[in-house]
């Protein structure tokens, strides 16, 4: 079995303007069980961190699906540009086709919390490199409110794309564990 890989979008420097993600109101629950498990896994970690729960955004999920399909057709992981993402945050994951449940995929992002330390971004990692915790901090970023994820498969691999609005990992913003709700 091949190993799973996670990748993180470039950091957000400025959030100004309105995002395409906001043109469709989020809903509480996604339509299918797999997507619901992606949302539930995110929200369980956010609850333990003290961040408010995310709401499912179907527009973000559709955009994530388009990007996941592109990655699957190319057979490689790469981030969409900030313009292609409409300013949304993005976490990527890739692993052997059909081998991993949703909670494992998101769990790869969450596993980075072992290196997290509270601080002002980008000084948030015990290793000294914010990229070692960037997936995790996007999952728990307190100002993020909406999530849309999708998976596409090619002959060998599944490609998960999660989009977040507003994006996290913003330079100069403090992130710290809050009291659990």
N, C-alpha and C. Protein backbone atom coordinates (compact mmCIF):
# COMPACT_ATOMS: atom_id res chain seq x y z
N UNK A 1 0.84 -1.17 0.00
CA UNK A 1 0.00 0.00 0.00
C UNK A 1 0.89 1.24 0.00
N UNK A 2 0.55 2.19 -0.83
CA UNK A 2 1.29 3.45 -0.89
C UNK A 2 0.94 4.31 0.32
N UNK A 3 1.81 5.21 0.63
CA UNK A 3 1.54 6.08 1.77
C UNK A 3 0.70 7.28 1.34
N UNK A 4 0.10 7.89 2.30
CA UNK A 4 -0.70 9.08 2.06
C UNK A 4 0.17 10.31 2.20
N UNK A 5 -0.15 11.35 1.47
CA UNK A 5 0.60 12.59 1.47
C UNK A 5 -0.38 13.73 1.67
N UNK A 6 0.01 14.74 2.43
CA UNK A 6 -0.80 15.94 2.58
C UNK A 6 -0.01 17.13 2.08
N UNK A 7 -0.71 18.11 1.56
CA UNK A 7 -0.07 19.31 1.06
C UNK A 7 -0.91 20.51 1.48
N UNK A 8 -0.26 21.63 1.64
CA UNK A 8 -0.88 22.82 2.20
C UNK A 8 -0.80 23.99 1.24
N UNK A 9 -1.88 24.74 1.11
CA UNK A 9 -1.90 25.91 0.24
C UNK A 9 -1.01 27.00 0.80
N UNK A 10 -0.58 27.89 -0.08
CA UNK A 10 0.20 29.03 0.35
C UNK A 10 -0.57 29.82 1.39
N UNK A 11 0.15 30.51 2.24
CA UNK A 11 -0.51 31.28 3.29
C UNK A 11 -1.29 32.44 2.72
N UNK A 12 -2.25 32.88 3.47
CA UNK A 12 -3.04 34.04 3.11
C UNK A 12 -2.36 35.27 3.67
N UNK A 13 -2.12 36.25 2.83
CA UNK A 13 -1.49 37.47 3.29
C UNK A 13 -2.56 38.51 3.61
N UNK A 14 -3.56 38.61 2.76
CA UNK A 14 -4.65 39.55 3.01
C UNK A 14 -5.96 38.89 2.60
N UNK A 15 -7.02 39.16 3.33
CA UNK A 15 -8.31 38.55 3.04
C UNK A 15 -9.28 39.49 2.35
N UNK A 16 -8.91 40.73 2.11
CA UNK A 16 -9.84 41.75 1.65
C UNK A 16 -10.81 41.30 0.58
N UNK A 17 -11.89 42.04 0.42
CA UNK A 17 -12.88 41.75 -0.60
C UNK A 17 -13.86 40.68 -0.17
N UNK A 18 -14.72 40.32 -1.09
CA UNK A 18 -15.69 39.27 -0.83
C UNK A 18 -15.32 38.06 -1.66
N UNK A 19 -15.57 36.91 -1.15
CA UNK A 19 -15.21 35.68 -1.85
C UNK A 19 -16.41 35.11 -2.56
N UNK A 20 -16.13 34.41 -3.63
CA UNK A 20 -17.18 33.70 -4.34
C UNK A 20 -17.86 32.69 -3.42
N UNK A 21 -17.12 32.19 -2.43
CA UNK A 21 -17.68 31.22 -1.49
C UNK A 21 -18.88 31.77 -0.76
N UNK A 22 -18.91 33.08 -0.57
CA UNK A 22 -20.01 33.66 0.19
C UNK A 22 -21.25 33.90 -0.65
N UNK A 23 -21.18 33.66 -1.96
CA UNK A 23 -22.35 33.90 -2.80
C UNK A 23 -23.42 32.83 -2.61
N UNK A 24 -23.09 31.75 -1.96
CA UNK A 24 -24.07 30.72 -1.66
C UNK A 24 -24.01 30.46 -0.16
N UNK A 25 -25.13 30.62 0.50
CA UNK A 25 -25.14 30.44 1.94
C UNK A 25 -24.77 29.02 2.32
N UNK A 26 -23.98 28.86 3.38
CA UNK A 26 -23.64 27.51 3.83
C UNK A 26 -24.86 26.81 4.42
N UNK A 27 -24.79 25.51 4.44
CA UNK A 27 -25.82 24.71 5.09
C UNK A 27 -25.16 23.93 6.21
N UNK A 28 -25.96 23.41 7.11
CA UNK A 28 -25.38 22.71 8.25
C UNK A 28 -24.76 21.38 7.89
N UNK A 29 -25.39 20.61 7.01
CA UNK A 29 -24.95 19.24 6.74
C UNK A 29 -24.79 19.00 5.25
N UNK A 30 -23.72 18.31 4.85
CA UNK A 30 -23.57 17.90 3.46
C UNK A 30 -24.55 16.78 3.11
N UNK A 31 -24.72 16.56 1.82
CA UNK A 31 -25.73 15.61 1.35
C UNK A 31 -25.33 14.14 1.47
N UNK A 32 -24.05 13.82 1.49
CA UNK A 32 -23.67 12.40 1.54
C UNK A 32 -22.87 12.08 2.81
N UNK A 33 -22.84 10.82 3.13
CA UNK A 33 -22.24 10.35 4.38
C UNK A 33 -20.73 10.63 4.44
N UNK A 34 -20.03 10.42 3.33
CA UNK A 34 -18.58 10.65 3.31
C UNK A 34 -18.27 12.11 3.61
N UNK A 35 -18.97 13.03 2.94
CA UNK A 35 -18.76 14.46 3.18
C UNK A 35 -19.13 14.83 4.61
N UNK A 36 -20.20 14.23 5.14
CA UNK A 36 -20.59 14.49 6.53
C UNK A 36 -19.48 14.06 7.49
N UNK A 37 -18.82 12.95 7.19
CA UNK A 37 -17.72 12.49 8.03
C UNK A 37 -16.52 13.45 7.95
N UNK A 38 -16.27 14.01 6.77
CA UNK A 38 -15.21 15.01 6.64
C UNK A 38 -15.51 16.22 7.53
N UNK A 39 -16.76 16.71 7.46
CA UNK A 39 -17.17 17.85 8.27
C UNK A 39 -17.12 17.52 9.76
N UNK A 40 -17.65 16.36 10.14
CA UNK A 40 -17.67 15.97 11.55
C UNK A 40 -16.27 15.83 12.13
N UNK A 41 -15.34 15.30 11.34
CA UNK A 41 -13.96 15.15 11.82
C UNK A 41 -13.31 16.51 12.02
N UNK A 42 -13.54 17.42 11.09
CA UNK A 42 -13.05 18.80 11.27
C UNK A 42 -13.63 19.40 12.55
N UNK A 43 -14.95 19.29 12.70
CA UNK A 43 -15.62 19.96 13.82
C UNK A 43 -15.28 19.33 15.17
N UNK A 44 -15.01 18.05 15.21
CA UNK A 44 -14.59 17.43 16.48
C UNK A 44 -13.26 18.02 16.94
N UNK A 45 -12.34 18.18 16.01
CA UNK A 45 -11.05 18.77 16.37
C UNK A 45 -11.20 20.24 16.73
N UNK A 46 -12.03 20.96 16.00
CA UNK A 46 -12.26 22.37 16.31
C UNK A 46 -12.86 22.52 17.70
N UNK A 47 -13.77 21.63 18.06
CA UNK A 47 -14.37 21.69 19.39
C UNK A 47 -13.31 21.49 20.47
N UNK A 48 -12.41 20.53 20.29
CA UNK A 48 -11.37 20.31 21.30
C UNK A 48 -10.38 21.47 21.36
N UNK A 49 -10.26 22.20 20.26
CA UNK A 49 -9.37 23.37 20.20
C UNK A 49 -10.06 24.60 20.79
N UNK A 50 -11.39 24.60 20.77
CA UNK A 50 -12.15 25.75 21.26
C UNK A 50 -12.62 26.66 20.14
N UNK A 51 -12.52 26.22 18.90
CA UNK A 51 -12.96 27.01 17.75
C UNK A 51 -14.42 26.68 17.43
N UNK A 52 -15.16 27.63 16.89
CA UNK A 52 -16.56 27.36 16.54
C UNK A 52 -16.65 26.34 15.40
N UNK A 53 -17.76 25.62 15.31
CA UNK A 53 -17.91 24.61 14.26
C UNK A 53 -18.00 25.24 12.87
N UNK A 54 -17.58 24.47 11.89
CA UNK A 54 -17.70 24.89 10.50
C UNK A 54 -19.06 24.50 9.96
N UNK A 55 -19.54 25.25 9.00
CA UNK A 55 -20.74 24.89 8.26
C UNK A 55 -20.32 24.43 6.87
N UNK A 56 -21.07 23.51 6.31
CA UNK A 56 -20.80 22.99 4.97
C UNK A 56 -21.24 24.02 3.94
N UNK A 57 -20.37 24.29 2.96
CA UNK A 57 -20.68 25.22 1.90
C UNK A 57 -20.67 24.45 0.57
N UNK A 58 -21.83 24.25 -0.04
CA UNK A 58 -21.90 23.47 -1.28
C UNK A 58 -21.09 24.06 -2.42
N UNK A 59 -20.98 25.39 -2.47
CA UNK A 59 -20.20 26.01 -3.54
C UNK A 59 -18.72 25.68 -3.36
N UNK A 60 -18.22 25.79 -2.13
CA UNK A 60 -16.83 25.39 -1.89
C UNK A 60 -16.62 23.92 -2.24
N UNK A 61 -17.60 23.08 -1.92
CA UNK A 61 -17.48 21.65 -2.22
C UNK A 61 -17.45 21.41 -3.73
N UNK A 62 -18.26 22.13 -4.49
CA UNK A 62 -18.24 21.98 -5.96
C UNK A 62 -16.89 22.42 -6.52
N UNK A 63 -16.38 23.53 -6.02
CA UNK A 63 -15.08 24.01 -6.48
C UNK A 63 -13.97 23.02 -6.09
N UNK A 64 -14.07 22.45 -4.90
CA UNK A 64 -13.10 21.44 -4.47
C UNK A 64 -13.19 20.21 -5.37
N UNK A 65 -14.41 19.83 -5.76
CA UNK A 65 -14.59 18.67 -6.64
C UNK A 65 -13.93 18.91 -8.00
N UNK A 66 -14.11 20.08 -8.55
CA UNK A 66 -13.48 20.40 -9.83
C UNK A 66 -11.97 20.29 -9.73
N UNK A 67 -11.40 20.82 -8.64
CA UNK A 67 -9.95 20.78 -8.49
C UNK A 67 -9.46 19.35 -8.23
N UNK A 68 -10.20 18.61 -7.42
CA UNK A 68 -9.82 17.21 -7.15
C UNK A 68 -9.82 16.40 -8.45
N UNK A 69 -10.81 16.63 -9.30
CA UNK A 69 -10.85 15.92 -10.58
C UNK A 69 -9.67 16.29 -11.46
N UNK A 70 -9.29 17.55 -11.43
CA UNK A 70 -8.11 17.97 -12.21
C UNK A 70 -6.86 17.28 -11.69
N UNK A 71 -6.69 17.23 -10.36
CA UNK A 71 -5.52 16.57 -9.78
C UNK A 71 -5.51 15.09 -10.13
N UNK A 72 -6.66 14.44 -10.04
CA UNK A 72 -6.74 13.01 -10.37
C UNK A 72 -6.37 12.77 -11.83
N UNK A 73 -6.82 13.65 -12.72
CA UNK A 73 -6.50 13.48 -14.14
C UNK A 73 -5.01 13.72 -14.40
N UNK A 74 -4.39 14.63 -13.64
CA UNK A 74 -2.96 14.89 -13.78
C UNK A 74 -2.11 13.86 -13.04
N UNK A 75 -2.72 13.20 -12.05
CA UNK A 75 -1.99 12.20 -11.27
C UNK A 75 -0.94 12.79 -10.34
N UNK A 76 -1.16 14.02 -9.91
CA UNK A 76 -0.21 14.67 -8.99
C UNK A 76 -0.93 15.72 -8.16
N UNK A 77 -0.31 16.05 -7.02
CA UNK A 77 -0.88 17.08 -6.15
C UNK A 77 -0.21 18.42 -6.44
N UNK A 78 -1.03 19.43 -6.50
CA UNK A 78 -0.56 20.81 -6.57
C UNK A 78 -1.71 21.70 -6.17
N UNK A 79 -1.35 22.82 -5.58
CA UNK A 79 -2.39 23.74 -5.11
C UNK A 79 -2.91 24.61 -6.24
N UNK A 80 -4.17 24.93 -6.14
CA UNK A 80 -4.76 25.94 -7.01
C UNK A 80 -4.15 27.28 -6.60
N UNK A 81 -4.07 28.18 -7.56
CA UNK A 81 -3.58 29.52 -7.22
C UNK A 81 -4.62 30.20 -6.33
N UNK A 82 -4.20 31.24 -5.65
CA UNK A 82 -5.11 31.99 -4.79
C UNK A 82 -6.31 32.49 -5.60
N UNK A 83 -6.07 32.95 -6.82
CA UNK A 83 -7.18 33.41 -7.67
C UNK A 83 -8.11 32.26 -8.03
N UNK A 84 -7.55 31.08 -8.36
CA UNK A 84 -8.38 29.92 -8.69
C UNK A 84 -9.22 29.47 -7.49
N UNK A 85 -8.72 29.70 -6.28
CA UNK A 85 -9.43 29.33 -5.06
C UNK A 85 -10.35 30.43 -4.57
N UNK A 86 -10.34 31.59 -5.23
CA UNK A 86 -11.16 32.71 -4.79
C UNK A 86 -10.77 33.20 -3.41
N UNK A 87 -9.51 33.00 -3.03
CA UNK A 87 -9.03 33.43 -1.72
C UNK A 87 -9.28 32.44 -0.60
N UNK A 88 -9.92 31.33 -0.90
CA UNK A 88 -10.20 30.31 0.13
C UNK A 88 -8.91 29.60 0.52
N UNK A 89 -8.87 29.09 1.75
CA UNK A 89 -7.77 28.23 2.17
C UNK A 89 -7.94 26.86 1.53
N UNK A 90 -6.86 26.10 1.49
CA UNK A 90 -6.92 24.79 0.83
C UNK A 90 -5.97 23.81 1.50
N UNK A 91 -6.48 22.65 1.85
CA UNK A 91 -5.68 21.51 2.27
C UNK A 91 -5.87 20.40 1.25
N UNK A 92 -4.79 19.71 0.93
CA UNK A 92 -4.82 18.60 -0.01
C UNK A 92 -4.29 17.34 0.64
N UNK A 93 -4.81 16.21 0.19
CA UNK A 93 -4.36 14.90 0.67
C UNK A 93 -4.45 13.93 -0.49
N UNK A 94 -3.52 12.98 -0.55
CA UNK A 94 -3.53 11.96 -1.58
C UNK A 94 -3.14 10.63 -0.97
N UNK A 95 -3.84 9.56 -1.34
CA UNK A 95 -3.51 8.23 -0.86
C UNK A 95 -4.08 7.17 -1.79
N UNK A 96 -3.69 5.94 -1.57
CA UNK A 96 -4.12 4.83 -2.41
C UNK A 96 -5.64 4.79 -2.55
N UNK A 97 -6.09 4.59 -3.78
CA UNK A 97 -7.52 4.62 -4.10
C UNK A 97 -8.30 3.63 -3.25
N UNK A 98 -9.33 4.14 -2.58
CA UNK A 98 -10.25 3.31 -1.82
C UNK A 98 -9.73 2.75 -0.52
N UNK A 99 -8.53 3.14 -0.11
CA UNK A 99 -7.91 2.53 1.06
C UNK A 99 -8.16 3.28 2.37
N UNK A 100 -8.64 4.53 2.30
CA UNK A 100 -8.71 5.34 3.52
C UNK A 100 -10.09 5.94 3.72
N UNK A 101 -10.60 5.91 4.96
CA UNK A 101 -11.86 6.58 5.26
C UNK A 101 -11.65 8.09 5.42
N UNK A 102 -12.73 8.84 5.39
CA UNK A 102 -12.66 10.30 5.51
C UNK A 102 -11.93 10.74 6.78
N UNK A 103 -12.22 10.08 7.91
CA UNK A 103 -11.60 10.51 9.18
C UNK A 103 -10.09 10.33 9.15
N UNK A 104 -9.58 9.34 8.39
CA UNK A 104 -8.14 9.16 8.26
C UNK A 104 -7.53 10.30 7.44
N UNK A 105 -8.21 10.66 6.36
CA UNK A 105 -7.72 11.73 5.49
C UNK A 105 -7.57 13.04 6.28
N UNK A 106 -8.63 13.44 6.97
CA UNK A 106 -8.57 14.66 7.76
C UNK A 106 -7.63 14.47 8.95
N UNK A 107 -7.57 13.25 9.47
CA UNK A 107 -6.66 12.95 10.57
C UNK A 107 -5.20 13.23 10.21
N UNK A 108 -4.85 13.09 8.94
CA UNK A 108 -3.48 13.42 8.52
C UNK A 108 -3.19 14.90 8.75
N UNK A 109 -4.18 15.76 8.53
CA UNK A 109 -4.01 17.18 8.83
C UNK A 109 -3.90 17.40 10.34
N UNK A 110 -4.76 16.73 11.08
CA UNK A 110 -4.84 16.91 12.53
C UNK A 110 -3.59 16.39 13.23
N UNK A 111 -2.97 15.36 12.70
CA UNK A 111 -1.76 14.79 13.32
C UNK A 111 -0.64 15.81 13.49
N UNK A 112 -0.68 16.88 12.70
CA UNK A 112 0.36 17.90 12.82
C UNK A 112 0.29 18.68 14.13
N UNK A 113 -0.79 18.53 14.89
CA UNK A 113 -0.92 19.29 16.13
C UNK A 113 0.20 18.97 17.12
N UNK A 114 0.86 17.84 16.96
CA UNK A 114 1.98 17.50 17.85
C UNK A 114 3.10 18.54 17.78
N UNK A 115 3.18 19.29 16.70
CA UNK A 115 4.22 20.31 16.55
C UNK A 115 3.70 21.74 16.77
N UNK A 116 2.40 21.87 17.02
CA UNK A 116 1.80 23.19 17.17
C UNK A 116 2.22 23.86 18.47
N UNK A 117 2.42 25.15 18.40
CA UNK A 117 2.57 25.98 19.60
C UNK A 117 1.83 27.28 19.34
N UNK A 118 1.18 27.76 20.35
CA UNK A 118 0.44 29.01 20.21
C UNK A 118 1.40 30.13 19.87
N UNK A 119 0.94 31.05 19.05
CA UNK A 119 1.78 32.17 18.68
C UNK A 119 1.14 32.98 17.58
N UNK A 120 1.91 33.92 17.08
CA UNK A 120 1.48 34.76 15.97
C UNK A 120 2.01 34.16 14.69
N UNK A 121 1.13 33.91 13.74
CA UNK A 121 1.53 33.28 12.48
C UNK A 121 2.58 34.15 11.79
N UNK A 122 3.68 33.57 11.35
CA UNK A 122 4.00 32.18 11.11
C UNK A 122 4.77 31.48 12.24
N UNK A 123 4.88 32.08 13.39
CA UNK A 123 5.67 31.51 14.50
C UNK A 123 4.78 30.61 15.35
N UNK A 124 4.36 29.48 14.79
CA UNK A 124 3.36 28.63 15.42
C UNK A 124 3.77 27.16 15.50
N UNK A 125 5.04 26.89 15.22
CA UNK A 125 5.48 25.50 15.20
C UNK A 125 6.68 25.30 16.11
N UNK A 126 6.66 24.22 16.85
CA UNK A 126 7.80 23.87 17.69
C UNK A 126 9.05 23.57 16.86
N UNK A 127 8.85 23.22 15.59
CA UNK A 127 9.99 22.91 14.71
C UNK A 127 10.61 24.16 14.11
N UNK A 128 9.90 25.29 14.21
CA UNK A 128 10.37 26.52 13.60
C UNK A 128 9.87 26.71 12.17
N UNK A 129 9.17 25.72 11.60
CA UNK A 129 8.65 25.80 10.25
C UNK A 129 7.13 25.70 10.30
N UNK A 130 6.42 26.78 9.97
CA UNK A 130 4.96 26.77 10.04
C UNK A 130 4.34 25.71 9.16
N UNK A 131 5.02 25.30 8.09
CA UNK A 131 4.47 24.28 7.19
C UNK A 131 4.30 22.93 7.89
N UNK A 132 4.99 22.74 8.99
CA UNK A 132 4.85 21.50 9.76
C UNK A 132 3.53 21.43 10.52
N UNK A 133 2.82 22.55 10.62
CA UNK A 133 1.52 22.58 11.30
C UNK A 133 0.44 23.27 10.48
N UNK A 134 0.75 23.68 9.28
CA UNK A 134 -0.15 24.49 8.47
C UNK A 134 -1.48 23.83 8.14
N UNK A 135 -1.48 22.51 7.92
CA UNK A 135 -2.76 21.82 7.68
C UNK A 135 -3.62 21.88 8.94
N UNK A 136 -2.97 21.58 10.06
CA UNK A 136 -3.68 21.56 11.33
C UNK A 136 -4.25 22.94 11.66
N UNK A 137 -3.43 23.98 11.52
CA UNK A 137 -3.91 25.31 11.88
C UNK A 137 -5.03 25.76 10.97
N UNK A 138 -5.03 25.33 9.68
CA UNK A 138 -6.17 25.66 8.84
C UNK A 138 -7.43 24.95 9.33
N UNK A 139 -7.31 23.72 9.77
CA UNK A 139 -8.47 22.98 10.30
C UNK A 139 -9.07 23.71 11.50
N UNK A 140 -8.24 24.21 12.41
CA UNK A 140 -8.73 24.79 13.66
C UNK A 140 -8.75 26.32 13.68
N UNK A 141 -8.39 26.97 12.58
CA UNK A 141 -8.30 28.43 12.55
C UNK A 141 -9.62 29.03 13.02
N UNK A 142 -9.62 29.78 14.13
CA UNK A 142 -10.87 30.23 14.75
C UNK A 142 -11.75 31.10 13.87
N UNK A 143 -11.18 31.87 12.95
CA UNK A 143 -11.99 32.75 12.10
C UNK A 143 -12.60 32.04 10.89
N UNK A 144 -12.16 30.83 10.59
CA UNK A 144 -12.74 30.09 9.48
C UNK A 144 -14.14 29.63 9.88
N UNK A 145 -15.10 29.76 8.97
CA UNK A 145 -16.50 29.45 9.27
C UNK A 145 -17.12 28.41 8.33
N UNK A 146 -16.56 28.24 7.13
CA UNK A 146 -17.18 27.38 6.13
C UNK A 146 -16.18 26.38 5.56
N UNK A 147 -16.70 25.23 5.16
CA UNK A 147 -15.88 24.14 4.62
C UNK A 147 -16.61 23.50 3.45
N UNK A 148 -15.84 23.14 2.46
CA UNK A 148 -16.34 22.31 1.35
C UNK A 148 -15.20 21.41 0.92
N UNK A 149 -15.44 20.11 0.87
CA UNK A 149 -14.41 19.14 0.48
C UNK A 149 -14.95 18.21 -0.58
N UNK A 150 -14.04 17.59 -1.31
CA UNK A 150 -14.42 16.60 -2.31
C UNK A 150 -13.24 15.68 -2.58
N UNK A 151 -13.56 14.47 -3.04
CA UNK A 151 -12.54 13.48 -3.40
C UNK A 151 -12.76 13.06 -4.84
N UNK A 152 -11.66 12.93 -5.57
CA UNK A 152 -11.69 12.36 -6.92
C UNK A 152 -10.66 11.23 -6.96
N UNK A 153 -10.92 10.26 -7.80
CA UNK A 153 -10.07 9.07 -7.86
C UNK A 153 -9.60 8.84 -9.30
N UNK A 154 -8.33 8.46 -9.41
CA UNK A 154 -7.85 7.94 -10.68
C UNK A 154 -7.57 6.45 -10.49
N UNK A 155 -6.84 5.85 -11.39
CA UNK A 155 -6.62 4.40 -11.32
C UNK A 155 -5.88 3.99 -10.05
N UNK A 156 -5.05 4.87 -9.50
CA UNK A 156 -4.20 4.52 -8.36
C UNK A 156 -4.52 5.22 -7.06
N UNK A 157 -4.99 6.45 -7.12
CA UNK A 157 -5.06 7.29 -5.92
C UNK A 157 -6.38 8.03 -5.77
N UNK A 158 -6.68 8.37 -4.51
CA UNK A 158 -7.73 9.31 -4.16
C UNK A 158 -7.07 10.66 -3.89
N UNK A 159 -7.74 11.72 -4.33
CA UNK A 159 -7.27 13.09 -4.10
C UNK A 159 -8.36 13.84 -3.35
N UNK A 160 -8.06 14.24 -2.11
CA UNK A 160 -8.98 15.02 -1.31
C UNK A 160 -8.58 16.49 -1.41
N UNK A 161 -9.57 17.32 -1.66
CA UNK A 161 -9.38 18.78 -1.64
C UNK A 161 -10.38 19.33 -0.65
N UNK A 162 -9.90 20.08 0.34
CA UNK A 162 -10.77 20.79 1.28
C UNK A 162 -10.52 22.28 1.10
N UNK A 163 -11.60 23.03 0.99
CA UNK A 163 -11.54 24.48 0.88
C UNK A 163 -12.19 25.10 2.11
N UNK A 164 -11.59 26.20 2.59
CA UNK A 164 -11.98 26.85 3.84
C UNK A 164 -12.24 28.33 3.61
N UNK A 165 -13.33 28.83 4.22
CA UNK A 165 -13.62 30.26 4.13
C UNK A 165 -14.02 30.81 5.48
N UNK A 166 -13.47 31.94 5.86
CA UNK A 166 -12.29 32.57 5.28
C UNK A 166 -11.05 31.72 5.55
N UNK A 167 -10.05 31.94 4.73
CA UNK A 167 -8.80 31.18 4.86
C UNK A 167 -8.12 31.48 6.18
N UNK A 168 -7.38 30.51 6.65
CA UNK A 168 -6.56 30.68 7.85
C UNK A 168 -5.11 30.93 7.47
N UNK A 169 -4.23 30.71 8.43
CA UNK A 169 -2.79 30.87 8.22
C UNK A 169 -2.45 32.24 7.66
N UNK A 170 -2.95 33.25 8.35
CA UNK A 170 -2.78 34.64 7.94
C UNK A 170 -1.65 35.28 8.74
N UNK A 171 -0.67 35.83 8.03
CA UNK A 171 0.47 36.47 8.69
C UNK A 171 0.02 37.53 9.68
N UNK A 172 0.67 37.52 10.85
CA UNK A 172 0.43 38.52 11.87
C UNK A 172 -0.76 38.24 12.78
N UNK A 173 -1.47 37.15 12.55
CA UNK A 173 -2.65 36.82 13.36
C UNK A 173 -2.26 35.78 14.40
N UNK A 174 -2.70 36.01 15.63
CA UNK A 174 -2.41 35.07 16.72
C UNK A 174 -3.36 33.88 16.65
N UNK A 175 -2.80 32.71 16.89
CA UNK A 175 -3.63 31.51 17.01
C UNK A 175 -3.22 30.78 18.28
N UNK A 176 -4.20 30.48 19.09
CA UNK A 176 -3.95 29.76 20.32
C UNK A 176 -5.17 28.92 20.64
N UNK A 177 -4.91 27.85 21.36
CA UNK A 177 -5.99 26.96 21.81
C UNK A 177 -6.88 27.75 22.75
N UNK A 178 -8.16 27.67 22.49
CA UNK A 178 -9.14 28.33 23.34
C UNK A 178 -9.72 27.30 24.30
N UNK A 179 -10.45 27.76 25.28
CA UNK A 179 -11.10 26.85 26.19
C UNK A 179 -12.08 25.97 25.41
N UNK A 180 -12.08 24.69 25.68
CA UNK A 180 -13.00 23.80 24.99
C UNK A 180 -14.43 24.22 25.27
N UNK A 181 -15.25 24.13 24.25
CA UNK A 181 -16.66 24.56 24.38
C UNK A 181 -17.49 23.51 25.03
